[in-house]
Amino acid sequence: MLATETTSVPLNNQIIHQIIDKYTLLEPTNVLAYLAQHKNLTFALLEAEKQIRKQFLHEKLTLKIVYDPEIPHWEKLFIIINTQLDADTAFDQLKQLDQDWWLDASDLVNNDLEIHIDFDEI
């Protein structure tokens, strides 16, 4: 399967464990409920971790549901790359991830997933 293809993968215990092994889940119950509703993201998350690791080798990856308090029922899953890299380096690496994979892959997840950088304090 090409790195830009996605497919719906049922959210079973094996997939849940794979996701938990690769990501820290903030509010795990909410993240897993979101994934159960958006089955198109399960494969995308597993592939995203592989692609992110090409640019961000050791950074912690977090999954978080983000809500917009001004729009009822609006929510989106974010992959947060937690880094101590300087801003220029981190954004250059994120730009490379975008060019290599994410710009094509993001079209396949129906705007249900975003990738962001969070700068850890040193």
N, C-alpha and C. Protein backbone atom coordinates (compact mmCIF):
# COMPACT_ATOMS: atom_id res chain seq x y z
N MET A 1 0.85 -1.18 0.00
CA MET A 1 0.00 0.00 0.00
C MET A 1 0.89 1.24 0.00
N LEU A 2 0.55 2.20 -0.80
CA LEU A 2 1.31 3.44 -0.86
C LEU A 2 1.16 4.23 0.43
N ALA A 3 2.17 5.02 0.74
CA ALA A 3 2.15 5.81 1.98
C ALA A 3 1.07 6.87 1.97
N THR A 4 0.53 7.18 0.81
CA THR A 4 -0.53 8.19 0.75
C THR A 4 -1.91 7.58 0.70
N GLU A 5 -2.00 6.25 0.66
CA GLU A 5 -3.31 5.60 0.69
C GLU A 5 -3.75 5.42 2.12
N THR A 6 -5.03 5.40 2.32
CA THR A 6 -5.56 5.13 3.64
C THR A 6 -6.73 4.17 3.49
N THR A 7 -7.03 3.52 4.56
CA THR A 7 -8.13 2.58 4.56
C THR A 7 -8.75 2.57 5.94
N SER A 8 -9.97 2.13 6.03
CA SER A 8 -10.61 2.01 7.34
C SER A 8 -10.16 0.70 7.96
N VAL A 9 -9.63 0.79 9.15
CA VAL A 9 -9.21 -0.38 9.90
C VAL A 9 -10.06 -0.43 11.15
N PRO A 10 -10.72 -1.56 11.41
CA PRO A 10 -11.55 -1.64 12.62
C PRO A 10 -10.73 -1.38 13.87
N LEU A 11 -11.33 -0.70 14.79
CA LEU A 11 -10.65 -0.37 16.05
C LEU A 11 -10.81 -1.56 16.99
N ASN A 12 -9.84 -2.48 16.93
CA ASN A 12 -9.87 -3.64 17.80
C ASN A 12 -8.71 -3.54 18.80
N ASN A 13 -8.61 -4.49 19.70
CA ASN A 13 -7.59 -4.43 20.75
C ASN A 13 -6.18 -4.37 20.17
N GLN A 14 -5.91 -5.08 19.09
CA GLN A 14 -4.58 -5.07 18.49
C GLN A 14 -4.24 -3.66 17.98
N ILE A 15 -5.17 -3.03 17.30
CA ILE A 15 -4.95 -1.68 16.78
C ILE A 15 -4.80 -0.69 17.93
N ILE A 16 -5.65 -0.81 18.95
CA ILE A 16 -5.56 0.08 20.11
C ILE A 16 -4.17 -0.03 20.74
N HIS A 17 -3.67 -1.24 20.90
CA HIS A 17 -2.35 -1.42 21.51
C HIS A 17 -1.24 -0.85 20.63
N GLN A 18 -1.38 -1.00 19.32
CA GLN A 18 -0.38 -0.41 18.42
C GLN A 18 -0.36 1.11 18.55
N ILE A 19 -1.53 1.71 18.62
CA ILE A 19 -1.62 3.17 18.74
C ILE A 19 -1.06 3.62 20.09
N ILE A 20 -1.41 2.92 21.16
CA ILE A 20 -0.92 3.28 22.50
C ILE A 20 0.59 3.12 22.59
N ASP A 21 1.16 2.14 21.86
CA ASP A 21 2.61 1.96 21.85
C ASP A 21 3.33 3.11 21.16
N LYS A 22 2.66 3.77 20.24
CA LYS A 22 3.30 4.81 19.43
C LYS A 22 3.00 6.23 19.92
N TYR A 23 1.89 6.40 20.61
CA TYR A 23 1.44 7.73 21.01
C TYR A 23 1.07 7.75 22.49
N THR A 24 1.19 8.93 23.09
CA THR A 24 0.59 9.20 24.38
C THR A 24 -0.80 9.76 24.10
N LEU A 25 -1.81 9.21 24.76
CA LEU A 25 -3.17 9.66 24.53
C LEU A 25 -3.60 10.57 25.67
N LEU A 26 -3.93 11.83 25.35
CA LEU A 26 -4.51 12.72 26.35
C LEU A 26 -6.01 12.46 26.34
N GLU A 27 -6.58 12.24 27.50
CA GLU A 27 -7.98 11.84 27.62
C GLU A 27 -8.25 10.62 26.74
N PRO A 28 -7.64 9.47 27.10
CA PRO A 28 -7.71 8.28 26.24
C PRO A 28 -9.13 7.86 25.86
N THR A 29 -10.08 7.96 26.77
CA THR A 29 -11.45 7.56 26.47
C THR A 29 -12.00 8.38 25.32
N ASN A 30 -11.76 9.69 25.34
CA ASN A 30 -12.25 10.57 24.26
C ASN A 30 -11.54 10.29 22.94
N VAL A 31 -10.22 10.06 23.00
CA VAL A 31 -9.46 9.77 21.78
C VAL A 31 -9.97 8.47 21.15
N LEU A 32 -10.13 7.43 21.96
CA LEU A 32 -10.58 6.14 21.43
C LEU A 32 -12.02 6.22 20.90
N ALA A 33 -12.86 7.01 21.55
CA ALA A 33 -14.23 7.20 21.05
C ALA A 33 -14.20 7.91 19.70
N TYR A 34 -13.34 8.91 19.56
CA TYR A 34 -13.20 9.62 18.30
C TYR A 34 -12.72 8.67 17.20
N LEU A 35 -11.75 7.83 17.53
CA LEU A 35 -11.24 6.87 16.55
C LEU A 35 -12.31 5.85 16.17
N ALA A 36 -13.14 5.46 17.11
CA ALA A 36 -14.23 4.53 16.81
C ALA A 36 -15.22 5.14 15.81
N GLN A 37 -15.39 6.46 15.89
CA GLN A 37 -16.29 7.17 14.97
C GLN A 37 -15.62 7.50 13.64
N HIS A 38 -14.30 7.56 13.63
CA HIS A 38 -13.53 7.94 12.43
C HIS A 38 -12.55 6.82 12.10
N LYS A 39 -13.08 5.71 11.67
CA LYS A 39 -12.26 4.52 11.41
C LYS A 39 -11.21 4.76 10.32
N ASN A 40 -11.43 5.77 9.50
CA ASN A 40 -10.46 6.10 8.46
C ASN A 40 -9.14 6.58 9.04
N LEU A 41 -9.10 6.92 10.32
CA LEU A 41 -7.88 7.45 10.93
C LEU A 41 -6.96 6.39 11.49
N THR A 42 -7.45 5.18 11.71
CA THR A 42 -6.60 4.19 12.38
C THR A 42 -5.36 3.87 11.57
N PHE A 43 -5.52 3.56 10.30
CA PHE A 43 -4.37 3.30 9.46
C PHE A 43 -3.52 4.56 9.30
N ALA A 44 -4.17 5.69 9.16
CA ALA A 44 -3.45 6.96 8.99
C ALA A 44 -2.54 7.23 10.20
N LEU A 45 -3.02 6.93 11.41
CA LEU A 45 -2.19 7.16 12.60
C LEU A 45 -0.97 6.25 12.62
N LEU A 46 -1.15 5.01 12.22
CA LEU A 46 -0.02 4.09 12.20
C LEU A 46 1.00 4.51 11.15
N GLU A 47 0.52 4.93 10.00
CA GLU A 47 1.42 5.40 8.95
C GLU A 47 2.05 6.74 9.33
N ALA A 48 1.29 7.61 9.97
CA ALA A 48 1.82 8.92 10.37
C ALA A 48 3.02 8.77 11.29
N GLU A 49 2.94 7.85 12.23
CA GLU A 49 4.06 7.65 13.15
C GLU A 49 5.32 7.26 12.38
N LYS A 50 5.20 6.39 11.41
CA LYS A 50 6.36 5.99 10.60
C LYS A 50 6.94 7.18 9.85
N GLN A 51 6.05 7.98 9.27
CA GLN A 51 6.50 9.13 8.49
C GLN A 51 7.10 10.23 9.38
N ILE A 52 6.48 10.47 10.53
CA ILE A 52 6.99 11.49 11.46
C ILE A 52 8.37 11.11 11.94
N ARG A 53 8.60 9.81 12.19
CA ARG A 53 9.91 9.35 12.69
C ARG A 53 11.04 9.58 11.69
N LYS A 54 10.73 9.80 10.45
CA LYS A 54 11.77 10.12 9.47
C LYS A 54 12.35 11.50 9.72
N GLN A 55 11.56 12.39 10.33
CA GLN A 55 12.01 13.76 10.60
C GLN A 55 12.25 14.01 12.09
N PHE A 56 11.45 13.39 12.92
CA PHE A 56 11.51 13.60 14.37
C PHE A 56 11.76 12.24 15.02
N LEU A 57 13.03 11.90 15.19
CA LEU A 57 13.40 10.55 15.58
C LEU A 57 12.95 10.15 16.98
N HIS A 58 13.08 11.06 17.94
CA HIS A 58 12.90 10.68 19.34
C HIS A 58 11.82 11.49 20.07
N GLU A 59 11.15 12.37 19.37
CA GLU A 59 10.16 13.21 20.02
C GLU A 59 8.95 12.40 20.47
N LYS A 60 8.38 12.83 21.59
CA LYS A 60 7.15 12.21 22.08
C LYS A 60 6.00 12.65 21.17
N LEU A 61 5.14 11.71 20.82
CA LEU A 61 3.98 11.99 19.99
C LEU A 61 2.73 11.82 20.84
N THR A 62 1.86 12.81 20.80
CA THR A 62 0.66 12.82 21.63
C THR A 62 -0.56 12.93 20.74
N LEU A 63 -1.62 12.21 21.11
CA LEU A 63 -2.92 12.36 20.46
C LEU A 63 -3.84 13.11 21.40
N LYS A 64 -4.49 14.12 20.87
CA LYS A 64 -5.35 14.96 21.69
C LYS A 64 -6.55 15.38 20.85
N ILE A 65 -7.73 15.33 21.46
CA ILE A 65 -8.93 15.87 20.82
C ILE A 65 -8.99 17.36 21.14
N VAL A 66 -9.16 18.17 20.12
CA VAL A 66 -9.27 19.61 20.29
C VAL A 66 -10.72 19.99 19.98
N TYR A 67 -11.27 20.82 20.82
CA TYR A 67 -12.66 21.28 20.70
C TYR A 67 -12.68 22.77 20.44
N ASP A 68 -13.67 23.22 19.70
CA ASP A 68 -13.89 24.65 19.52
C ASP A 68 -15.12 25.03 20.32
N PRO A 69 -14.94 25.81 21.40
CA PRO A 69 -16.08 26.14 22.25
C PRO A 69 -17.15 26.99 21.56
N GLU A 70 -16.79 27.60 20.44
CA GLU A 70 -17.75 28.46 19.74
C GLU A 70 -18.56 27.70 18.69
N ILE A 71 -18.15 26.47 18.38
CA ILE A 71 -18.86 25.68 17.38
C ILE A 71 -19.30 24.38 18.05
N PRO A 72 -20.58 24.25 18.31
CA PRO A 72 -21.06 23.03 18.97
C PRO A 72 -20.69 21.77 18.18
N HIS A 73 -20.23 20.77 18.89
CA HIS A 73 -19.91 19.45 18.33
C HIS A 73 -18.70 19.45 17.41
N TRP A 74 -17.95 20.55 17.36
CA TRP A 74 -16.74 20.56 16.54
C TRP A 74 -15.60 19.96 17.34
N GLU A 75 -14.97 18.98 16.74
CA GLU A 75 -13.80 18.37 17.37
C GLU A 75 -12.90 17.80 16.29
N LYS A 76 -11.61 17.71 16.60
CA LYS A 76 -10.64 17.20 15.66
C LYS A 76 -9.52 16.55 16.45
N LEU A 77 -8.95 15.49 15.88
CA LEU A 77 -7.83 14.81 16.49
C LEU A 77 -6.53 15.46 16.03
N PHE A 78 -5.67 15.76 16.99
CA PHE A 78 -4.36 16.34 16.69
C PHE A 78 -3.28 15.35 17.07
N ILE A 79 -2.30 15.20 16.19
CA ILE A 79 -1.03 14.58 16.55
C ILE A 79 -0.13 15.74 16.94
N ILE A 80 0.36 15.70 18.16
CA ILE A 80 1.24 16.76 18.64
C ILE A 80 2.65 16.19 18.76
N ILE A 81 3.58 16.81 18.06
CA ILE A 81 4.98 16.42 18.14
C ILE A 81 5.61 17.29 19.22
N ASN A 82 5.95 16.69 20.35
CA ASN A 82 6.56 17.42 21.47
C ASN A 82 8.07 17.42 21.28
N THR A 83 8.63 18.59 21.14
CA THR A 83 10.05 18.67 20.81
C THR A 83 10.78 19.71 21.64
N GLN A 84 12.08 19.50 21.76
CA GLN A 84 12.97 20.49 22.36
C GLN A 84 13.87 21.11 21.30
N LEU A 85 13.61 20.79 20.04
CA LEU A 85 14.38 21.40 18.96
C LEU A 85 14.12 22.90 18.92
N ASP A 86 15.07 23.64 18.37
CA ASP A 86 14.81 25.06 18.20
C ASP A 86 13.74 25.22 17.12
N ALA A 87 13.06 26.35 17.16
CA ALA A 87 11.89 26.56 16.30
C ALA A 87 12.22 26.43 14.82
N ASP A 88 13.32 27.00 14.38
CA ASP A 88 13.66 26.93 12.95
C ASP A 88 13.85 25.49 12.50
N THR A 89 14.58 24.71 13.27
CA THR A 89 14.83 23.32 12.92
C THR A 89 13.52 22.53 12.92
N ALA A 90 12.71 22.71 13.96
CA ALA A 90 11.45 21.97 14.07
C ALA A 90 10.53 22.29 12.90
N PHE A 91 10.40 23.57 12.56
CA PHE A 91 9.50 23.93 11.47
C PHE A 91 10.05 23.49 10.11
N ASP A 92 11.39 23.49 9.95
CA ASP A 92 11.97 22.95 8.71
C ASP A 92 11.66 21.46 8.57
N GLN A 93 11.75 20.74 9.67
CA GLN A 93 11.46 19.30 9.63
C GLN A 93 9.97 19.05 9.39
N LEU A 94 9.11 19.87 9.99
CA LEU A 94 7.67 19.74 9.74
C LEU A 94 7.36 20.05 8.28
N LYS A 95 8.00 21.05 7.74
CA LYS A 95 7.81 21.40 6.32
C LYS A 95 8.24 20.24 5.43
N GLN A 96 9.34 19.57 5.78
CA GLN A 96 9.79 18.42 5.01
C GLN A 96 8.80 17.27 5.10
N LEU A 97 8.25 17.04 6.31
CA LEU A 97 7.21 16.02 6.49
C LEU A 97 6.01 16.34 5.60
N ASP A 98 5.61 17.59 5.58
CA ASP A 98 4.50 18.02 4.72
C ASP A 98 4.79 17.69 3.25
N GLN A 99 5.96 18.05 2.79
CA GLN A 99 6.30 17.84 1.38
C GLN A 99 6.43 16.37 1.04
N ASP A 100 7.02 15.59 1.96
CA ASP A 100 7.28 14.18 1.68
C ASP A 100 6.03 13.32 1.76
N TRP A 101 5.07 13.70 2.64
CA TRP A 101 3.96 12.79 2.88
C TRP A 101 2.64 13.48 3.24
N TRP A 102 2.64 14.36 4.22
CA TRP A 102 1.40 14.81 4.83
C TRP A 102 0.47 15.58 3.88
N LEU A 103 1.00 16.40 2.99
CA LEU A 103 0.11 17.17 2.10
C LEU A 103 -0.77 16.25 1.26
N ASP A 104 -0.23 15.14 0.81
CA ASP A 104 -1.03 14.17 0.06
C ASP A 104 -1.93 13.35 0.99
N ALA A 105 -1.36 12.90 2.11
CA ALA A 105 -2.11 12.04 3.03
C ALA A 105 -3.25 12.79 3.71
N SER A 106 -3.08 14.06 3.97
CA SER A 106 -4.10 14.82 4.70
C SER A 106 -5.42 14.89 3.92
N ASP A 107 -5.35 14.83 2.61
CA ASP A 107 -6.57 14.83 1.80
C ASP A 107 -7.41 13.58 2.05
N LEU A 108 -6.76 12.51 2.49
CA LEU A 108 -7.44 11.22 2.64
C LEU A 108 -8.09 11.03 4.01
N VAL A 109 -7.88 11.95 4.93
CA VAL A 109 -8.44 11.79 6.27
C VAL A 109 -9.60 12.75 6.52
N ASN A 110 -10.11 13.33 5.48
CA ASN A 110 -11.33 14.14 5.55
C ASN A 110 -11.26 15.26 6.58
N ASN A 111 -10.11 15.88 6.73
CA ASN A 111 -9.97 17.00 7.65
C ASN A 111 -10.26 16.61 9.10
N ASP A 112 -10.09 15.32 9.44
CA ASP A 112 -10.35 14.83 10.80
C ASP A 112 -9.09 14.75 11.64
N LEU A 113 -7.93 15.09 11.07
CA LEU A 113 -6.65 14.92 11.75
C LEU A 113 -5.71 16.05 11.34
N GLU A 114 -4.97 16.57 12.31
CA GLU A 114 -3.95 17.58 12.04
C GLU A 114 -2.67 17.20 12.78
N ILE A 115 -1.55 17.71 12.29
CA ILE A 115 -0.26 17.51 12.93
C ILE A 115 0.28 18.87 13.35
N HIS A 116 0.67 18.96 14.61
CA HIS A 116 1.20 20.21 15.16
C HIS A 116 2.47 19.95 15.96
N ILE A 117 3.21 21.01 16.18
CA ILE A 117 4.41 20.95 17.02
C ILE A 117 4.12 21.68 18.33
N ASP A 118 4.60 21.10 19.41
CA ASP A 118 4.54 21.75 20.72
C ASP A 118 5.96 21.78 21.24
N PHE A 119 6.40 22.95 21.67
CA PHE A 119 7.78 23.09 22.12
C PHE A 119 7.86 22.88 23.63
N ASP A 120 8.57 21.82 24.00
CA ASP A 120 8.79 21.51 25.41
C ASP A 120 9.77 22.53 25.98
N GLU A 121 9.55 22.86 27.23
CA GLU A 121 10.50 23.74 27.91
C GLU A 121 11.74 22.93 28.27
N ILE A 122 12.87 23.54 28.09
CA ILE A 122 14.14 22.87 28.39
C ILE A 122 14.52 23.07 29.83
